Amino acid sequence: MGQMSGERPGDAVYNRIALLRAEHGVSRRQLADALGVHYQTVGYLERGEYNPSLHLALRIAEFFDLPVETIFSTRPFPRISDARRPAATG
């Protein structure tokens, strides 16, 4: 299956699952049921406490009909509030 984060530094997998669930009005339990996993697994994924297997990551991407790299990354995603800030003029 997946891997608990913290096993090796730098192995963190960042995700946008919570954001996508909110945008789609899907509860953790609904997503878990659709994926065939326990609802707590979704919480562990969202908090970065658990890295998904490739199979699970692909199934999550299919659920949201998005490319897997839109949902998962090895680098933190930029904050939406940072993207809205106007560029400094000098």
Protein backbone atom coordinates (compact mmCIF):
# COMPACT_ATOMS: atom_id res chain seq x y z
CA MET A 1 0.00 0.00 0.00
CA GLY A 2 1.36 3.47 0.81
CA GLN A 3 4.05 4.70 3.10
CA MET A 4 3.86 6.61 6.34
CA SER A 5 5.54 9.97 5.91
CA GLY A 6 8.60 10.74 7.95
CA GLU A 7 10.34 7.49 7.08
CA ARG A 8 13.01 9.35 5.15
CA PRO A 9 13.51 13.11 5.03
CA GLY A 10 12.51 14.56 1.68
CA ASP A 11 10.00 11.80 0.90
CA ALA A 12 6.97 13.98 1.64
CA VAL A 13 4.14 13.91 -0.84
CA TYR A 14 2.03 17.07 -0.86
CA ASN A 15 -1.55 17.01 -2.06
CA ARG A 16 -4.65 19.06 -2.74
CA ILE A 17 -7.20 16.45 -1.67
CA ALA A 18 -8.89 18.60 1.00
CA LEU A 19 -9.18 21.54 -1.40
CA LEU A 20 -10.65 19.35 -4.14
CA ARG A 21 -13.08 17.71 -1.75
CA ALA A 22 -14.30 21.15 -0.64
CA GLU A 23 -14.65 22.37 -4.23
CA HIS A 24 -16.65 19.27 -5.17
CA GLY A 25 -18.71 19.11 -1.96
CA VAL A 26 -17.45 15.61 -1.17
CA SER A 27 -16.99 14.39 2.41
CA ARG A 28 -14.06 12.28 3.52
CA ARG A 29 -16.41 9.33 3.90
CA GLN A 30 -17.84 9.78 0.38
CA LEU A 31 -14.36 9.91 -1.14
CA ALA A 32 -13.22 6.93 0.91
CA ASP A 33 -16.26 4.90 -0.14
CA ALA A 34 -15.63 5.73 -3.81
CA LEU A 35 -11.99 4.67 -3.45
CA GLY A 36 -12.65 1.59 -1.33
CA VAL A 37 -10.55 2.79 1.62
CA HIS A 38 -11.33 3.70 5.23
CA TYR A 39 -12.38 7.33 5.72
CA GLN A 40 -9.49 7.84 8.15
CA THR A 41 -7.10 7.03 5.31
CA VAL A 42 -8.36 10.11 3.47
CA GLY A 43 -7.63 12.21 6.57
CA TYR A 44 -4.12 10.76 6.87
CA LEU A 45 -3.50 11.56 3.20
CA GLU A 46 -4.80 15.12 3.52
CA ARG A 47 -2.59 15.82 6.53
CA GLY A 48 0.47 14.33 4.84
CA GLU A 49 0.72 11.58 7.46
CA TYR A 50 0.46 8.89 4.81
CA ASN A 51 1.85 8.75 1.27
CA PRO A 52 -0.50 7.05 -1.18
CA SER A 53 0.49 4.09 -3.27
CA LEU A 54 0.72 4.85 -6.97
CA HIS A 55 -2.49 2.92 -7.52
CA LEU A 56 -4.38 4.95 -4.90
CA ALA A 57 -2.98 8.25 -6.23
CA LEU A 58 -4.16 7.35 -9.73
CA ARG A 59 -7.61 6.38 -8.45
CA ILE A 60 -7.90 9.72 -6.62
CA ALA A 61 -6.91 11.53 -9.82
CA GLU A 62 -9.56 9.57 -11.74
CA PHE A 63 -12.18 10.40 -9.12
CA PHE A 64 -11.56 14.14 -9.54
CA ASP A 65 -10.94 13.77 -13.31
CA LEU A 66 -7.59 15.54 -13.04
CA PRO A 67 -3.98 14.65 -13.89
CA VAL A 68 -2.23 13.08 -10.91
CA GLU A 69 0.39 15.88 -10.87
CA THR A 70 -2.39 18.42 -10.32
CA ILE A 71 -3.25 16.69 -7.04
CA PHE A 72 0.12 15.37 -5.83
CA SER A 73 3.61 16.87 -5.75
CA THR A 74 6.97 16.29 -4.12
CA ARG A 75 7.14 20.04 -3.47
CA PRO A 76 4.66 22.13 -1.49
CA PHE A 77 1.97 23.72 -3.61
CA PRO A 78 1.94 27.53 -3.63
CA ARG A 79 -0.73 29.02 -1.42
CA ILE A 80 -3.67 30.47 -3.32
CA SER A 81 -3.40 33.67 -1.26
CA ASP A 82 0.23 34.06 -2.44
CA ALA A 83 -0.85 33.87 -6.09
CA ARG A 84 -3.29 36.75 -5.61
CA ARG A 85 -0.78 39.20 -4.20
CA PRO A 86 0.22 41.94 -6.62
CA ALA A 87 3.84 42.02 -7.66
CA ALA A 88 5.97 44.56 -5.86
CA THR A 89 6.98 47.54 -7.95
CA GLY A 90 10.18 49.22 -7.35
